[in-house]
């Protein structure tokens, strides 16, 4: 089972890397780019045969304890 976790800074939290990317794109001549937000994607390969709800609960615990900072980041879990 494959799990994808997308982690982004919450709205309202300053994103200096996003601003740097936004500025660099403008400097390279790319027009029409609005606000840029930078995040990360983590993929996990879980053992076959695990219950989907159990996997989701386990990944939530992973996010809360290591993968994301729930104070400033939101995360989205996709299980395939």
PDB file of N, CA and C in Angstrom:
ATOM      1  N   UNK A   1       0.857  -1.172   0.000  1.00  0.00           N
ATOM      2  CA  UNK A   1       0.000   0.000   0.000  1.00  0.00           C
ATOM      3  C   UNK A   1       0.902   1.234   0.000  1.00  0.00           C
ATOM      4  N   UNK A   2       0.597   2.187  -0.861  1.00  0.00           N
ATOM      5  CA  UNK A   2       1.398   3.401  -0.976  1.00  0.00           C
ATOM      6  C   UNK A   2       0.659   4.563  -0.321  1.00  0.00           C
ATOM      7  N   UNK A   3       1.393   5.331   0.461  1.00  0.00           N
ATOM      8  CA  UNK A   3       0.824   6.489   1.155  1.00  0.00           C
ATOM      9  C   UNK A   3       1.606   7.728   0.736  1.00  0.00           C
ATOM     10  N   UNK A   4       0.878   8.783   0.395  1.00  0.00           N
ATOM     11  CA  UNK A   4       1.492  10.062   0.079  1.00  0.00           C
ATOM     12  C   UNK A   4       1.022  11.084   1.107  1.00  0.00           C
ATOM     13  N   UNK A   5       1.975  11.764   1.729  1.00  0.00           N
ATOM     14  CA  UNK A   5       1.665  12.804   2.711  1.00  0.00           C
ATOM     15  C   UNK A   5       2.157  14.132   2.139  1.00  0.00           C
ATOM     16  N   UNK A   6       1.233  15.078   1.957  1.00  0.00           N
ATOM     17  CA  UNK A   6       1.581  16.425   1.481  1.00  0.00           C
ATOM     18  C   UNK A   6       1.523  17.366   2.670  1.00  0.00           C
ATOM     19  N   UNK A   7       2.617  18.086   2.908  1.00  0.00           N
ATOM     20  CA  UNK A   7       2.734  18.965   4.065  1.00  0.00           C
ATOM     21  C   UNK A   7       2.971  20.394   3.582  1.00  0.00           C
ATOM     22  N   UNK A   8       2.137  21.314   4.067  1.00  0.00           N
ATOM     23  CA  UNK A   8       2.252  22.724   3.690  1.00  0.00           C
ATOM     24  C   UNK A   8       2.122  23.588   4.938  1.00  0.00           C
ATOM     25  N   UNK A   9       2.761  24.745   4.892  1.00  0.00           N
ATOM     26  CA  UNK A   9       2.580  25.701   5.977  1.00  0.00           C
ATOM     27  C   UNK A   9       1.120  26.168   5.994  1.00  0.00           C
ATOM     28  N   UNK A  10       0.595  26.372   7.174  1.00  0.00           N
ATOM     29  CA  UNK A  10      -0.782  26.855   7.304  1.00  0.00           C
ATOM     30  C   UNK A  10      -0.896  28.257   6.716  1.00  0.00           C
ATOM     31  N   UNK A  11      -2.098  28.597   6.261  1.00  0.00           N
ATOM     32  CA  UNK A  11      -2.344  29.954   5.774  1.00  0.00           C
ATOM     33  C   UNK A  11      -2.052  30.934   6.899  1.00  0.00           C
ATOM     34  N   UNK A  12      -1.405  32.024   6.565  1.00  0.00           N
ATOM     35  CA  UNK A  12      -1.071  33.029   7.560  1.00  0.00           C
ATOM     36  C   UNK A  12       0.324  32.866   8.137  1.00  0.00           C
ATOM     37  N   UNK A  13       0.946  31.703   7.925  1.00  0.00           N
ATOM     38  CA  UNK A  13       2.322  31.489   8.389  1.00  0.00           C
ATOM     39  C   UNK A  13       3.259  31.953   7.280  1.00  0.00           C
ATOM     40  N   UNK A  14       4.234  32.787   7.637  1.00  0.00           N
ATOM     41  CA  UNK A  14       5.182  33.286   6.642  1.00  0.00           C
ATOM     42  C   UNK A  14       5.927  32.130   5.991  1.00  0.00           C
ATOM     43  N   UNK A  15       6.125  32.226   4.672  1.00  0.00           N
ATOM     44  CA  UNK A  15       6.799  31.200   3.898  1.00  0.00           C
ATOM     45  C   UNK A  15       7.984  31.831   3.167  1.00  0.00           C
ATOM     46  N   UNK A  16       9.132  31.980   3.848  1.00  0.00           N
ATOM     47  CA  UNK A  16      10.268  32.648   3.208  1.00  0.00           C
ATOM     48  C   UNK A  16      10.794  31.898   1.987  1.00  0.00           C
ATOM     49  N   UNK A  17      10.742  30.571   1.990  1.00  0.00           N
ATOM     50  CA  UNK A  17      11.191  29.824   0.804  1.00  0.00           C
ATOM     51  C   UNK A  17      10.256  30.070  -0.368  1.00  0.00           C
ATOM     52  N   UNK A  18       8.965  30.117  -0.109  1.00  0.00           N
ATOM     53  CA  UNK A  18       8.005  30.424  -1.160  1.00  0.00           C
ATOM     54  C   UNK A  18       8.246  31.810  -1.742  1.00  0.00           C
ATOM     55  N   UNK A  19       8.516  32.775  -0.870  1.00  0.00           N
ATOM     56  CA  UNK A  19       8.805  34.146  -1.337  1.00  0.00           C
ATOM     57  C   UNK A  19      10.072  34.179  -2.179  1.00  0.00           C
ATOM     58  N   UNK A  20      11.108  33.425  -1.771  1.00  0.00           N
ATOM     59  CA  UNK A  20      12.361  33.381  -2.530  1.00  0.00           C
ATOM     60  C   UNK A  20      12.125  32.775  -3.915  1.00  0.00           C
ATOM     61  N   UNK A  21      11.324  31.722  -3.980  1.00  0.00           N
ATOM     62  CA  UNK A  21      11.002  31.102  -5.268  1.00  0.00           C
ATOM     63  C   UNK A  21      10.224  32.073  -6.140  1.00  0.00           C
ATOM     64  N   UNK A  22       9.235  32.734  -5.531  1.00  0.00           N
ATOM     65  CA  UNK A  22       8.428  33.722  -6.252  1.00  0.00           C
ATOM     66  C   UNK A  22       9.313  34.817  -6.846  1.00  0.00           C
ATOM     67  N   UNK A  23      10.244  35.331  -6.039  1.00  0.00           N
ATOM     68  CA  UNK A  23      11.153  36.382  -6.492  1.00  0.00           C
ATOM     69  C   UNK A  23      12.066  35.870  -7.614  1.00  0.00           C
ATOM     70  N   UNK A  24      12.608  34.668  -7.449  1.00  0.00           N
ATOM     71  CA  UNK A  24      13.511  34.105  -8.449  1.00  0.00           C
ATOM     72  C   UNK A  24      12.794  33.875  -9.780  1.00  0.00           C
ATOM     73  N   UNK A  25      11.563  33.403  -9.733  1.00  0.00           N
ATOM     74  CA  UNK A  25      10.806  33.194 -10.967  1.00  0.00           C
ATOM     75  C   UNK A  25      10.603  34.516 -11.708  1.00  0.00           C
ATOM     76  N   UNK A  26      10.280  35.578 -10.945  1.00  0.00           N
ATOM     77  CA  UNK A  26      10.141  36.901 -11.565  1.00  0.00           C
ATOM     78  C   UNK A  26      11.442  37.358 -12.189  1.00  0.00           C
ATOM     79  N   UNK A  27      12.555  37.112 -11.482  1.00  0.00           N
ATOM     80  CA  UNK A  27      13.868  37.491 -11.999  1.00  0.00           C
ATOM     81  C   UNK A  27      14.252  36.730 -13.251  1.00  0.00           C
ATOM     82  N   UNK A  28      13.709  35.532 -13.416  1.00  0.00           N
ATOM     83  CA  UNK A  28      13.983  34.730 -14.607  1.00  0.00           C
ATOM     84  C   UNK A  28      13.043  35.051 -15.763  1.00  0.00           C
ATOM     85  N   UNK A  29      12.142  36.011 -15.537  1.00  0.00           N
ATOM     86  CA  UNK A  29      11.265  36.461 -16.601  1.00  0.00           C
ATOM     87  C   UNK A  29       9.916  35.771 -16.667  1.00  0.00           C
ATOM     88  N   UNK A  30       9.598  34.933 -15.689  1.00  0.00           N
ATOM     89  CA  UNK A  30       8.286  34.289 -15.684  1.00  0.00           C
ATOM     90  C   UNK A  30       7.262  35.275 -15.151  1.00  0.00           C
ATOM     91  N   UNK A  31       6.282  35.586 -15.985  1.00  0.00           N
ATOM     92  CA  UNK A  31       5.264  36.571 -15.624  1.00  0.00           C
ATOM     93  C   UNK A  31       3.982  35.882 -15.182  1.00  0.00           C
ATOM     94  N   UNK A  32       3.188  36.568 -14.420  1.00  0.00           N
ATOM     95  CA  UNK A  32       1.879  36.075 -14.038  1.00  0.00           C
ATOM     96  C   UNK A  32       1.883  35.122 -12.861  1.00  0.00           C
ATOM     97  N   UNK A  33       3.031  34.958 -12.207  1.00  0.00           N
ATOM     98  CA  UNK A  33       3.099  34.075 -11.044  1.00  0.00           C
ATOM     99  C   UNK A  33       2.673  34.868  -9.821  1.00  0.00           C
ATOM    100  N   UNK A  34       1.645  34.386  -9.143  1.00  0.00           N
ATOM    101  CA  UNK A  34       1.165  35.030  -7.927  1.00  0.00           C
ATOM    102  C   UNK A  34       1.937  34.509  -6.725  1.00  0.00           C
ATOM    103  N   UNK A  35       1.249  34.392  -5.616  1.00  0.00           N
ATOM    104  CA  UNK A  35       1.876  33.918  -4.385  1.00  0.00           C
ATOM    105  C   UNK A  35       2.359  32.474  -4.557  1.00  0.00           C
ATOM    106  N   UNK A  36       3.571  32.201  -4.099  1.00  0.00           N
ATOM    107  CA  UNK A  36       4.144  30.859  -4.153  1.00  0.00           C
ATOM    108  C   UNK A  36       4.250  30.327  -2.733  1.00  0.00           C
ATOM    109  N   UNK A  37       3.744  29.114  -2.520  1.00  0.00           N
ATOM    110  CA  UNK A  37       3.856  28.433  -1.228  1.00  0.00           C
ATOM    111  C   UNK A  37       4.660  27.165  -1.466  1.00  0.00           C
ATOM    112  N   UNK A  38       5.636  26.925  -0.640  1.00  0.00           N
ATOM    113  CA  UNK A  38       6.514  25.771  -0.769  1.00  0.00           C
ATOM    114  C   UNK A  38       6.143  24.746   0.295  1.00  0.00           C
ATOM    115  N   UNK A  39       6.204  23.480  -0.063  1.00  0.00           N
ATOM    116  CA  UNK A  39       5.882  22.418   0.889  1.00  0.00           C
ATOM    117  C   UNK A  39       6.742  21.203   0.647  1.00  0.00           C
ATOM    118  N   UNK A  40       6.311  20.077   1.194  1.00  0.00           N
ATOM    119  CA  UNK A  40       7.062  18.838   0.983  1.00  0.00           C
ATOM    120  C   UNK A  40       6.088  17.681   0.806  1.00  0.00           C
ATOM    121  N   UNK A  41       6.562  16.658   0.097  1.00  0.00           N
ATOM    122  CA  UNK A  41       5.786  15.451  -0.142  1.00  0.00           C
ATOM    123  C   UNK A  41       6.612  14.273   0.355  1.00  0.00           C
ATOM    124  N   UNK A  42       5.983  13.429   1.153  1.00  0.00           N
ATOM    125  CA  UNK A  42       6.636  12.235   1.684  1.00  0.00           C
ATOM    126  C   UNK A  42       5.830  11.036   1.222  1.00  0.00           C
ATOM    127  N   UNK A  43       6.501  10.045   0.642  1.00  0.00           N
ATOM    128  CA  UNK A  43       5.820   8.817   0.241  1.00  0.00           C
ATOM    129  C   UNK A  43       6.283   7.681   1.142  1.00  0.00           C
ATOM    130  N   UNK A  44       5.334   6.859   1.522  1.00  0.00           N
ATOM    131  CA  UNK A  44       5.607   5.707   2.387  1.00  0.00           C
ATOM    132  C   UNK A  44       5.067   4.464   1.707  1.00  0.00           C
ATOM    133  N   UNK A  45       5.796   3.388   1.775  1.00  0.00           N
ATOM    134  CA  UNK A  45       5.337   2.095   1.282  1.00  0.00           C
ATOM    135  C   UNK A  45       5.000   1.257   2.508  1.00  0.00           C
ATOM    136  N   UNK A  46       3.726   0.978   2.694  1.00  0.00           N
ATOM    137  CA  UNK A  46       3.268   0.212   3.849  1.00  0.00           C
ATOM    138  C   UNK A  46       3.087  -1.252   3.447  1.00  0.00           C
ATOM    139  N   UNK A  47       3.158  -2.137   4.430  1.00  0.00           N
ATOM    140  CA  UNK A  47       3.019  -3.565   4.176  1.00  0.00           C
ATOM    141  C   UNK A  47       1.652  -3.886   3.572  1.00  0.00           C
ATOM    142  N   UNK A  48       1.644  -4.824   2.635  1.00  0.00           N
ATOM    143  CA  UNK A  48       0.381  -5.280   2.057  1.00  0.00           C
ATOM    144  C   UNK A  48      -0.442  -5.996   3.121  1.00  0.00           C
ATOM    145  N   UNK A  49      -1.731  -5.924   2.991  1.00  0.00           N
ATOM    146  CA  UNK A  49      -2.622  -6.620   3.903  1.00  0.00           C
ATOM    147  C   UNK A  49      -3.044  -5.818   5.116  1.00  0.00           C
ATOM    148  N   UNK A  50      -2.472  -4.632   5.280  1.00  0.00           N
ATOM    149  CA  UNK A  50      -2.858  -3.795   6.415  1.00  0.00           C
ATOM    150  C   UNK A  50      -4.210  -3.148   6.121  1.00  0.00           C
ATOM    151  N   UNK A  51      -5.013  -2.967   7.155  1.00  0.00           N
ATOM    152  CA  UNK A  51      -6.309  -2.323   7.046  1.00  0.00           C
ATOM    153  C   UNK A  51      -6.106  -0.837   6.731  1.00  0.00           C
ATOM    154  N   UNK A  52      -6.862  -0.311   5.767  1.00  0.00           N
ATOM    155  CA  UNK A  52      -6.701   1.080   5.330  1.00  0.00           C
ATOM    156  C   UNK A  52      -6.923   2.074   6.472  1.00  0.00           C
ATOM    157  N   UNK A  53      -7.912   1.833   7.317  1.00  0.00           N
ATOM    158  CA  UNK A  53      -8.167   2.734   8.449  1.00  0.00           C
ATOM    159  C   UNK A  53      -7.016   2.690   9.454  1.00  0.00           C
ATOM    160  N   UNK A  54      -6.454   1.499   9.653  1.00  0.00           N
ATOM    161  CA  UNK A  54      -5.307   1.355  10.557  1.00  0.00           C
ATOM    162  C   UNK A  54      -4.091   2.098  10.017  1.00  0.00           C
ATOM    163  N   UNK A  55      -3.880   1.983   8.707  1.00  0.00           N
ATOM    164  CA  UNK A  55      -2.763   2.696   8.071  1.00  0.00           C
ATOM    165  C   UNK A  55      -2.964   4.198   8.227  1.00  0.00           C
ATOM    166  N   UNK A  56      -4.177   4.681   7.975  1.00  0.00           N
ATOM    167  CA  UNK A  56      -4.446   6.113   8.092  1.00  0.00           C
ATOM    168  C   UNK A  56      -4.165   6.595   9.515  1.00  0.00           C
ATOM    169  N   UNK A  57      -4.649   5.869  10.502  1.00  0.00           N
ATOM    170  CA  UNK A  57      -4.426   6.258  11.901  1.00  0.00           C
ATOM    171  C   UNK A  57      -2.935   6.260  12.233  1.00  0.00           C
ATOM    172  N   UNK A  58      -2.205   5.284  11.716  1.00  0.00           N
ATOM    173  CA  UNK A  58      -0.769   5.212  11.977  1.00  0.00           C
ATOM    174  C   UNK A  58      -0.032   6.389  11.328  1.00  0.00           C
ATOM    175  N   UNK A  59      -0.420   6.743  10.105  1.00  0.00           N
ATOM    176  CA  UNK A  59       0.230   7.862   9.412  1.00  0.00           C
ATOM    177  C   UNK A  59      -0.106   9.184  10.098  1.00  0.00           C
ATOM    178  N   UNK A  60      -1.321   9.326  10.609  1.00  0.00           N
ATOM    179  CA  UNK A  60      -1.665  10.530  11.374  1.00  0.00           C
ATOM    180  C   UNK A  60      -0.729  10.648  12.575  1.00  0.00           C
ATOM    181  N   UNK A  61      -0.502   9.547  13.280  1.00  0.00           N
ATOM    182  CA  UNK A  61       0.417   9.574  14.429  1.00  0.00           C
ATOM    183  C   UNK A  61       1.841   9.934  13.979  1.00  0.00           C
ATOM    184  N   UNK A  62       2.258   9.421  12.812  1.00  0.00           N
ATOM    185  CA  UNK A  62       3.576   9.772  12.261  1.00  0.00           C
ATOM    186  C   UNK A  62       3.671  11.270  12.006  1.00  0.00           C
ATOM    187  N   UNK A  63       2.614  11.823  11.408  1.00  0.00           N
ATOM    188  CA  UNK A  63       2.604  13.262  11.105  1.00  0.00           C
ATOM    189  C   UNK A  63       2.648  14.086  12.378  1.00  0.00           C
ATOM    190  N   UNK A  64       1.848  13.708  13.356  1.00  0.00           N
ATOM    191  CA  UNK A  64       1.763  14.472  14.595  1.00  0.00           C
ATOM    192  C   UNK A  64       3.058  14.416  15.407  1.00  0.00           C
ATOM    193  N   UNK A  65       3.804  13.317  15.284  1.00  0.00           N
ATOM    194  CA  UNK A  65       4.999  13.164  16.123  1.00  0.00           C
ATOM    195  C   UNK A  65       6.311  13.444  15.400  1.00  0.00           C
ATOM    196  N   UNK A  66       6.340  13.378  14.046  1.00  0.00           N
ATOM    197  CA  UNK A  66       7.623  13.535  13.358  1.00  0.00           C
ATOM    198  C   UNK A  66       7.538  14.263  12.021  1.00  0.00           C
ATOM    199  N   UNK A  67       6.639  13.855  11.161  1.00  0.00           N
ATOM    200  CA  UNK A  67       6.668  14.324   9.781  1.00  0.00           C
ATOM    201  C   UNK A  67       6.258  15.781   9.610  1.00  0.00           C
ATOM    202  N   UNK A  68       5.354  16.266  10.436  1.00  0.00           N
ATOM    203  CA  UNK A  68       4.856  17.641  10.313  1.00  0.00           C
ATOM    204  C   UNK A  68       4.890  18.323  11.672  1.00  0.00           C
ATOM    205  N   UNK A  69       4.880  19.639  11.637  1.00  0.00           N
ATOM    206  CA  UNK A  69       4.740  20.427  12.856  1.00  0.00           C
ATOM    207  C   UNK A  69       3.301  20.929  12.874  1.00  0.00           C
ATOM    208  N   UNK A  70       2.418  20.252  13.619  1.00  0.00           N
ATOM    209  CA  UNK A  70       0.992  20.604  13.557  1.00  0.00           C
ATOM    210  C   UNK A  70       0.664  22.019  14.025  1.00  0.00           C
ATOM    211  N   UNK A  71       1.591  22.691  14.668  1.00  0.00           N
ATOM    212  CA  UNK A  71       1.350  24.072  15.094  1.00  0.00           C
ATOM    213  C   UNK A  71       1.345  25.007  13.893  1.00  0.00           C
ATOM    214  N   UNK A  72       2.240  24.760  12.924  1.00  0.00           N
ATOM    215  CA  UNK A  72       2.374  25.666  11.781  1.00  0.00           C
ATOM    216  C   UNK A  72       2.129  25.008  10.435  1.00  0.00           C
ATOM    217  N   UNK A  73       1.933  23.679  10.404  1.00  0.00           N
ATOM    218  CA  UNK A  73       1.772  22.978   9.140  1.00  0.00           C
ATOM    219  C   UNK A  73       0.474  22.159   9.108  1.00  0.00           C
ATOM    220  N   UNK A  74      -0.118  22.105   7.927  1.00  0.00           N
ATOM    221  CA  UNK A  74      -1.238  21.210   7.657  1.00  0.00           C
ATOM    222  C   UNK A  74      -0.708  20.056   6.829  1.00  0.00           C
ATOM    223  N   UNK A  75      -1.378  18.916   6.912  1.00  0.00           N
ATOM    224  CA  UNK A  75      -0.968  17.782   6.099  1.00  0.00           C
ATOM    225  C   UNK A  75      -2.194  17.092   5.529  1.00  0.00           C
ATOM    226  N   UNK A  76      -1.983  16.448   4.387  1.00  0.00           N
ATOM    227  CA  UNK A  76      -3.030  15.714   3.698  1.00  0.00           C
ATOM    228  C   UNK A  76      -2.492  14.320   3.407  1.00  0.00           C
ATOM    229  N   UNK A  77      -3.275  13.314   3.729  1.00  0.00           N
ATOM    230  CA  UNK A  77      -2.854  11.925   3.566  1.00  0.00           C
ATOM    231  C   UNK A  77      -3.658  11.284   2.450  1.00  0.00           C
ATOM    232  N   UNK A  78      -2.959  10.676   1.485  1.00  0.00           N
ATOM    233  CA  UNK A  78      -3.608   9.948   0.399  1.00  0.00           C
ATOM    234  C   UNK A  78      -3.095   8.518   0.435  1.00  0.00           C
ATOM    235  N   UNK A  79      -4.014   7.563   0.491  1.00  0.00           N
ATOM    236  CA  UNK A  79      -3.658   6.149   0.546  1.00  0.00           C
ATOM    237  C   UNK A  79      -4.124   5.489  -0.745  1.00  0.00           C
ATOM    238  N   UNK A  80      -3.186   4.831  -1.424  1.00  0.00           N
ATOM    239  CA  UNK A  80      -3.493   4.169  -2.699  1.00  0.00           C
ATOM    240  C   UNK A  80      -3.309   2.672  -2.527  1.00  0.00           C
TER     241      UNK A  80
END
